[in-house]
Amino acid sequence: MLDPFLEGARVDDAVFALRPDYRAVLLAVDGLVPGRSDDASEAVLQQAESVARQALRERPVEQLPHVAAWREAYRAFGAKPQRTRNSLEALMRRIDAGLPRVNRLTDTYNAVSVKHQIPLGGEDLAYIAAARPSAHF
């Protein structure tokens, strides 16, 4: 199921026209069992929160280098970064209250996003395939 999904992945040429430096990475993780948040996902979230709090001691969120770069990219696409924030900035702005605890998958990619300062998302490909058996990935 993974090969057809990866083979079908595309980035629109208009993205590269505006941002030739844009890079997308598709990563498949096996063994992450879907389900409710647990001790392991709590631990990675707490570690990410600690890293984020340290980064935010040094400067405001919009001045963090990776956040600032994404704000600039959003402006190039015509979006207003104060109104339309990328996922990394949105998560960083929640640090004082703590990152959301959603489920193992979401907790994991949110923690990786915050810890490594990259906008990141994830999907349970097996769930999607089961819900849409005729889908061509």
N, C-alpha and C. Protein backbone atom coordinates (compact mmCIF):
# COMPACT_ATOMS: atom_id res chain seq x y z
N MET A 1 0.82 -1.19 0.00
CA MET A 1 0.00 0.00 0.00
C MET A 1 0.87 1.26 0.00
N LEU A 2 2.06 1.18 0.56
CA LEU A 2 2.91 2.36 0.69
C LEU A 2 3.50 2.79 -0.66
N ASP A 3 3.95 1.86 -1.47
CA ASP A 3 4.58 2.22 -2.74
C ASP A 3 3.65 3.04 -3.64
N PRO A 4 2.40 2.61 -3.87
CA PRO A 4 1.51 3.43 -4.71
C PRO A 4 1.27 4.83 -4.12
N PHE A 5 1.20 4.90 -2.81
CA PHE A 5 1.01 6.20 -2.16
C PHE A 5 2.19 7.12 -2.44
N LEU A 6 3.39 6.61 -2.24
CA LEU A 6 4.60 7.41 -2.45
C LEU A 6 4.77 7.78 -3.93
N GLU A 7 4.47 6.84 -4.81
CA GLU A 7 4.60 7.10 -6.24
C GLU A 7 3.61 8.16 -6.71
N GLY A 8 2.48 8.27 -6.05
CA GLY A 8 1.46 9.25 -6.44
C GLY A 8 1.62 10.61 -5.79
N ALA A 9 2.56 10.75 -4.90
CA ALA A 9 2.75 12.03 -4.20
C ALA A 9 3.38 13.06 -5.14
N ARG A 10 2.85 14.26 -5.12
CA ARG A 10 3.34 15.34 -5.97
C ARG A 10 3.26 16.67 -5.22
N VAL A 11 4.15 17.56 -5.60
CA VAL A 11 4.08 18.95 -5.16
C VAL A 11 3.80 19.76 -6.41
N ASP A 12 2.81 20.60 -6.36
CA ASP A 12 2.43 21.40 -7.51
C ASP A 12 3.59 22.28 -7.96
N ASP A 13 3.77 22.40 -9.26
CA ASP A 13 4.86 23.22 -9.81
C ASP A 13 4.77 24.66 -9.35
N ALA A 14 3.57 25.16 -9.07
CA ALA A 14 3.41 26.54 -8.62
C ALA A 14 4.12 26.77 -7.29
N VAL A 15 4.20 25.75 -6.47
CA VAL A 15 4.92 25.87 -5.19
C VAL A 15 6.39 26.13 -5.46
N PHE A 16 6.98 25.35 -6.35
CA PHE A 16 8.40 25.54 -6.67
C PHE A 16 8.65 26.84 -7.42
N ALA A 17 7.67 27.32 -8.17
CA ALA A 17 7.82 28.60 -8.87
C ALA A 17 7.96 29.73 -7.85
N LEU A 18 7.19 29.66 -6.78
CA LEU A 18 7.26 30.69 -5.74
C LEU A 18 8.41 30.47 -4.77
N ARG A 19 8.68 29.21 -4.46
CA ARG A 19 9.72 28.88 -3.48
C ARG A 19 10.59 27.75 -4.02
N PRO A 20 11.58 28.05 -4.86
CA PRO A 20 12.44 27.00 -5.40
C PRO A 20 13.18 26.22 -4.31
N ASP A 21 13.29 26.80 -3.13
CA ASP A 21 13.99 26.14 -2.03
C ASP A 21 13.09 25.20 -1.23
N TYR A 22 11.82 25.10 -1.59
CA TYR A 22 10.88 24.24 -0.86
C TYR A 22 11.27 22.77 -1.00
N ARG A 23 11.18 22.06 0.10
CA ARG A 23 11.42 20.61 0.08
C ARG A 23 10.30 19.94 0.87
N ALA A 24 9.85 18.83 0.37
CA ALA A 24 8.85 18.02 1.06
C ALA A 24 9.47 16.65 1.30
N VAL A 25 9.20 16.10 2.46
CA VAL A 25 9.70 14.78 2.80
C VAL A 25 8.50 13.94 3.24
N LEU A 26 8.38 12.78 2.64
CA LEU A 26 7.36 11.82 3.06
C LEU A 26 8.08 10.73 3.84
N LEU A 27 7.58 10.47 5.01
CA LEU A 27 8.22 9.51 5.90
C LEU A 27 7.18 8.49 6.34
N ALA A 28 7.50 7.25 6.21
CA ALA A 28 6.61 6.18 6.67
C ALA A 28 7.17 5.62 7.97
N VAL A 29 6.33 5.54 8.96
CA VAL A 29 6.72 4.99 10.26
C VAL A 29 5.89 3.75 10.50
N ASP A 30 6.55 2.66 10.74
CA ASP A 30 5.86 1.40 11.01
C ASP A 30 5.97 1.10 12.49
N GLY A 31 4.94 0.52 13.04
CA GLY A 31 4.99 0.09 14.43
C GLY A 31 4.38 1.08 15.41
N LEU A 32 3.93 2.24 14.94
CA LEU A 32 3.26 3.18 15.81
C LEU A 32 1.80 2.76 15.88
N VAL A 33 1.43 2.14 16.97
CA VAL A 33 0.09 1.58 17.10
C VAL A 33 -0.91 2.70 17.38
N PRO A 34 -1.93 2.84 16.53
CA PRO A 34 -2.92 3.89 16.76
C PRO A 34 -3.62 3.69 18.10
N GLY A 35 -4.03 4.77 18.68
CA GLY A 35 -4.77 4.67 19.93
C GLY A 35 -4.62 5.93 20.77
N ARG A 36 -5.18 5.85 21.92
CA ARG A 36 -5.17 6.99 22.84
C ARG A 36 -3.75 7.35 23.27
N SER A 37 -3.59 8.58 23.66
CA SER A 37 -2.30 9.02 24.20
C SER A 37 -1.90 8.09 25.33
N ASP A 38 -0.59 7.88 25.47
CA ASP A 38 -0.11 6.99 26.51
C ASP A 38 1.15 7.57 27.14
N ASP A 39 1.80 6.80 28.00
CA ASP A 39 3.00 7.29 28.69
C ASP A 39 4.11 7.65 27.71
N ALA A 40 4.26 6.87 26.64
CA ALA A 40 5.31 7.15 25.67
C ALA A 40 5.04 8.45 24.93
N SER A 41 3.81 8.66 24.49
CA SER A 41 3.51 9.91 23.77
C SER A 41 3.58 11.10 24.73
N GLU A 42 3.21 10.89 25.96
CA GLU A 42 3.33 11.96 26.98
C GLU A 42 4.80 12.35 27.17
N ALA A 43 5.67 11.37 27.20
CA ALA A 43 7.10 11.65 27.40
C ALA A 43 7.67 12.46 26.24
N VAL A 44 7.32 12.10 25.00
CA VAL A 44 7.87 12.86 23.86
C VAL A 44 7.29 14.26 23.80
N LEU A 45 6.03 14.41 24.20
CA LEU A 45 5.43 15.75 24.23
C LEU A 45 6.10 16.62 25.30
N GLN A 46 6.35 16.05 26.46
CA GLN A 46 7.00 16.83 27.52
C GLN A 46 8.41 17.25 27.11
N GLN A 47 9.12 16.37 26.45
CA GLN A 47 10.46 16.71 25.97
C GLN A 47 10.40 17.84 24.94
N ALA A 48 9.45 17.77 24.03
CA ALA A 48 9.29 18.81 23.01
C ALA A 48 8.90 20.14 23.65
N GLU A 49 8.02 20.09 24.64
CA GLU A 49 7.64 21.32 25.34
C GLU A 49 8.84 21.97 26.01
N SER A 50 9.70 21.17 26.58
CA SER A 50 10.90 21.69 27.23
C SER A 50 11.82 22.38 26.21
N VAL A 51 12.03 21.74 25.07
CA VAL A 51 12.85 22.32 24.01
C VAL A 51 12.23 23.64 23.53
N ALA A 52 10.92 23.65 23.34
CA ALA A 52 10.23 24.85 22.86
C ALA A 52 10.31 25.99 23.87
N ARG A 53 10.11 25.68 25.14
CA ARG A 53 10.19 26.72 26.16
C ARG A 53 11.58 27.35 26.19
N GLN A 54 12.61 26.54 26.02
CA GLN A 54 13.97 27.07 25.97
C GLN A 54 14.14 28.00 24.77
N ALA A 55 13.67 27.59 23.61
CA ALA A 55 13.79 28.42 22.41
C ALA A 55 13.04 29.75 22.57
N LEU A 56 11.89 29.69 23.23
CA LEU A 56 11.07 30.89 23.39
C LEU A 56 11.59 31.82 24.48
N ARG A 57 12.52 31.36 25.29
CA ARG A 57 13.17 32.25 26.26
C ARG A 57 14.08 33.24 25.56
N GLU A 58 14.60 32.83 24.42
CA GLU A 58 15.58 33.63 23.70
C GLU A 58 14.96 34.66 22.76
N ARG A 59 13.75 34.38 22.25
CA ARG A 59 13.09 35.31 21.32
C ARG A 59 11.63 34.93 21.17
N PRO A 60 10.81 35.86 20.68
CA PRO A 60 9.39 35.54 20.46
C PRO A 60 9.22 34.55 19.31
N VAL A 61 8.11 33.88 19.30
CA VAL A 61 7.88 32.80 18.33
C VAL A 61 8.07 33.24 16.89
N GLU A 62 7.59 34.42 16.54
CA GLU A 62 7.69 34.85 15.14
C GLU A 62 9.13 35.16 14.71
N GLN A 63 10.05 35.26 15.68
CA GLN A 63 11.46 35.50 15.36
C GLN A 63 12.31 34.23 15.39
N LEU A 64 11.73 33.10 15.72
CA LEU A 64 12.48 31.85 15.62
C LEU A 64 12.79 31.62 14.13
N PRO A 65 14.01 31.27 13.80
CA PRO A 65 14.40 31.19 12.38
C PRO A 65 13.47 30.35 11.50
N HIS A 66 13.09 29.17 11.94
CA HIS A 66 12.23 28.31 11.11
C HIS A 66 10.83 28.88 10.99
N VAL A 67 10.31 29.44 12.07
CA VAL A 67 8.98 30.05 12.02
C VAL A 67 9.00 31.26 11.10
N ALA A 68 10.03 32.10 11.23
CA ALA A 68 10.13 33.29 10.38
C ALA A 68 10.21 32.90 8.90
N ALA A 69 10.95 31.84 8.59
CA ALA A 69 11.06 31.39 7.20
C ALA A 69 9.70 30.95 6.66
N TRP A 70 8.94 30.24 7.48
CA TRP A 70 7.62 29.80 7.02
C TRP A 70 6.66 30.97 6.90
N ARG A 71 6.76 31.96 7.78
CA ARG A 71 5.92 33.15 7.67
C ARG A 71 6.22 33.85 6.34
N GLU A 72 7.50 33.93 5.97
CA GLU A 72 7.90 34.55 4.70
C GLU A 72 7.33 33.75 3.52
N ALA A 73 7.42 32.43 3.60
CA ALA A 73 6.87 31.58 2.53
C ALA A 73 5.36 31.78 2.41
N TYR A 74 4.66 31.85 3.52
CA TYR A 74 3.21 32.06 3.48
C TYR A 74 2.88 33.40 2.82
N ARG A 75 3.65 34.44 3.13
CA ARG A 75 3.44 35.74 2.50
C ARG A 75 3.63 35.62 0.98
N ALA A 76 4.64 34.86 0.55
CA ALA A 76 4.89 34.67 -0.88
C ALA A 76 3.70 33.99 -1.56
N PHE A 77 2.99 33.16 -0.84
CA PHE A 77 1.81 32.49 -1.39
C PHE A 77 0.55 33.33 -1.27
N GLY A 78 0.70 34.54 -0.70
CA GLY A 78 -0.44 35.44 -0.58
C GLY A 78 -1.23 35.29 0.71
N ALA A 79 -0.77 34.46 1.60
CA ALA A 79 -1.46 34.28 2.89
C ALA A 79 -0.93 35.31 3.89
N LYS A 80 -1.77 35.67 4.83
CA LYS A 80 -1.35 36.57 5.90
C LYS A 80 -0.94 35.71 7.09
N PRO A 81 0.37 35.69 7.41
CA PRO A 81 0.83 34.78 8.46
C PRO A 81 0.26 35.07 9.85
N GLN A 82 -0.25 36.28 10.07
CA GLN A 82 -0.90 36.55 11.36
C GLN A 82 -2.25 35.85 11.45
N ARG A 83 -2.85 35.59 10.30
CA ARG A 83 -4.16 34.95 10.27
C ARG A 83 -4.09 33.48 9.91
N THR A 84 -3.17 33.12 9.03
CA THR A 84 -3.01 31.74 8.60
C THR A 84 -1.62 31.29 9.01
N ARG A 85 -1.55 30.56 10.10
CA ARG A 85 -0.25 30.13 10.62
C ARG A 85 0.03 28.69 10.21
N ASN A 86 1.31 28.40 10.01
CA ASN A 86 1.67 27.02 9.75
C ASN A 86 1.56 26.25 11.07
N SER A 87 1.56 24.94 10.96
CA SER A 87 1.32 24.11 12.14
C SER A 87 2.39 24.28 13.21
N LEU A 88 3.63 24.49 12.81
CA LEU A 88 4.70 24.68 13.79
C LEU A 88 4.44 25.93 14.62
N GLU A 89 4.15 27.03 13.97
CA GLU A 89 3.90 28.27 14.71
C GLU A 89 2.68 28.13 15.62
N ALA A 90 1.63 27.52 15.11
CA ALA A 90 0.43 27.33 15.93
C ALA A 90 0.75 26.52 17.19
N LEU A 91 1.54 25.47 17.04
CA LEU A 91 1.91 24.66 18.21
C LEU A 91 2.81 25.45 19.16
N MET A 92 3.77 26.19 18.62
CA MET A 92 4.68 26.96 19.47
C MET A 92 3.92 28.01 20.28
N ARG A 93 2.87 28.53 19.72
CA ARG A 93 2.07 29.53 20.44
C ARG A 93 1.25 28.90 21.57
N ARG A 94 1.15 27.59 21.59
CA ARG A 94 0.40 26.88 22.65
C ARG A 94 1.29 26.39 23.79
N ILE A 95 2.56 26.62 23.71
CA ILE A 95 3.50 26.02 24.66
C ILE A 95 3.18 26.40 26.10
N ASP A 96 2.82 27.64 26.35
CA ASP A 96 2.53 28.04 27.74
C ASP A 96 1.43 27.18 28.35
N ALA A 97 0.42 26.86 27.56
CA ALA A 97 -0.68 26.02 28.04
C ALA A 97 -0.38 24.54 27.88
N GLY A 98 0.66 24.22 27.11
CA GLY A 98 1.01 22.82 26.85
C GLY A 98 0.47 22.38 25.50
N LEU A 99 1.20 21.48 24.88
CA LEU A 99 0.77 20.92 23.60
C LEU A 99 -0.48 20.08 23.81
N PRO A 100 -1.35 20.01 22.81
CA PRO A 100 -2.54 19.17 22.95
C PRO A 100 -2.17 17.70 23.02
N ARG A 101 -2.93 16.97 23.78
CA ARG A 101 -2.81 15.51 23.84
C ARG A 101 -4.00 14.96 23.07
N VAL A 102 -3.72 14.35 21.91
CA VAL A 102 -4.79 13.93 21.01
C VAL A 102 -4.86 12.41 20.91
N ASN A 103 -3.81 11.82 20.39
CA ASN A 103 -3.66 10.36 20.26
C ASN A 103 -2.19 10.10 19.96
N ARG A 104 -1.80 8.84 19.97
CA ARG A 104 -0.37 8.53 19.80
C ARG A 104 0.23 9.10 18.52
N LEU A 105 -0.46 8.97 17.41
CA LEU A 105 0.06 9.46 16.15
C LEU A 105 0.22 10.98 16.18
N THR A 106 -0.84 11.68 16.52
CA THR A 106 -0.80 13.14 16.55
C THR A 106 0.19 13.65 17.59
N ASP A 107 0.20 13.03 18.75
CA ASP A 107 1.15 13.43 19.79
C ASP A 107 2.59 13.29 19.29
N THR A 108 2.85 12.20 18.58
CA THR A 108 4.21 11.94 18.10
C THR A 108 4.64 12.96 17.05
N TYR A 109 3.80 13.21 16.04
CA TYR A 109 4.24 14.16 15.02
C TYR A 109 4.23 15.59 15.53
N ASN A 110 3.36 15.93 16.47
CA ASN A 110 3.43 17.26 17.07
C ASN A 110 4.74 17.44 17.85
N ALA A 111 5.13 16.42 18.58
CA ALA A 111 6.37 16.48 19.36
C ALA A 111 7.57 16.63 18.43
N VAL A 112 7.62 15.85 17.35
CA VAL A 112 8.73 15.94 16.40
C VAL A 112 8.74 17.33 15.76
N SER A 113 7.58 17.84 15.39
CA SER A 113 7.47 19.15 14.78
C SER A 113 8.06 20.23 15.68
N VAL A 114 7.65 20.24 16.94
CA VAL A 114 8.10 21.27 17.88
C VAL A 114 9.57 21.09 18.23
N LYS A 115 9.98 19.88 18.50
CA LYS A 115 11.37 19.63 18.90
C LYS A 115 12.35 20.00 17.80
N HIS A 116 12.00 19.70 16.55
CA HIS A 116 12.91 19.93 15.43
C HIS A 116 12.55 21.16 14.60
N GLN A 117 11.52 21.89 15.04
CA GLN A 117 11.13 23.16 14.41
C GLN A 117 10.80 23.02 12.93
N ILE A 118 9.92 22.07 12.62
CA ILE A 118 9.45 21.90 11.25
C ILE A 118 7.94 21.70 11.26
N PRO A 119 7.21 22.31 10.33
CA PRO A 119 5.80 21.99 10.21
C PRO A 119 5.66 20.54 9.75
N LEU A 120 4.81 19.80 10.40
CA LEU A 120 4.74 18.37 10.13
C LEU A 120 3.32 17.88 10.39
N GLY A 121 2.89 16.95 9.61
CA GLY A 121 1.59 16.33 9.81
C GLY A 121 1.72 14.84 9.60
N GLY A 122 0.68 14.12 9.94
CA GLY A 122 0.72 12.68 9.78
C GLY A 122 -0.66 12.11 9.58
N GLU A 123 -0.70 10.97 8.97
CA GLU A 123 -1.95 10.26 8.73
C GLU A 123 -1.73 8.78 8.98
N ASP A 124 -2.77 8.12 9.41
CA ASP A 124 -2.75 6.67 9.57
C ASP A 124 -3.15 6.07 8.23
N LEU A 125 -2.17 5.69 7.45
CA LEU A 125 -2.41 5.20 6.09
C LEU A 125 -3.28 3.94 6.09
N ALA A 126 -3.11 3.07 7.06
CA ALA A 126 -3.94 1.86 7.12
C ALA A 126 -5.41 2.22 7.33
N TYR A 127 -5.67 3.22 8.15
CA TYR A 127 -7.04 3.67 8.40
C TYR A 127 -7.65 4.24 7.13
N ILE A 128 -6.88 5.05 6.43
CA ILE A 128 -7.37 5.66 5.19
C ILE A 128 -7.66 4.57 4.16
N ALA A 129 -6.75 3.63 4.03
CA ALA A 129 -6.95 2.54 3.06
C ALA A 129 -8.18 1.71 3.41
N ALA A 130 -8.43 1.48 4.70
CA ALA A 130 -9.60 0.71 5.10
C ALA A 130 -10.89 1.48 4.84
N ALA A 131 -10.84 2.80 5.05
CA ALA A 131 -12.03 3.62 4.86
C ALA A 131 -12.33 3.85 3.38
N ARG A 132 -11.28 3.82 2.55
CA ARG A 132 -11.43 4.08 1.12
C ARG A 132 -10.74 2.97 0.32
N PRO A 133 -11.28 1.75 0.34
CA PRO A 133 -10.60 0.64 -0.30
C PRO A 133 -10.32 0.84 -1.78
N SER A 134 -11.08 1.66 -2.46
CA SER A 134 -10.85 1.86 -3.91
C SER A 134 -9.91 3.04 -4.16
N ALA A 135 -9.45 3.70 -3.11
CA ALA A 135 -8.58 4.86 -3.29
C ALA A 135 -7.25 4.44 -3.90
N HIS A 136 -6.78 5.27 -4.76
CA HIS A 136 -5.45 5.05 -5.34
C HIS A 136 -4.52 6.05 -4.69
N PHE A 137 -3.58 5.54 -3.95
CA PHE A 137 -2.64 6.41 -3.26
C PHE A 137 -1.54 6.70 -4.21
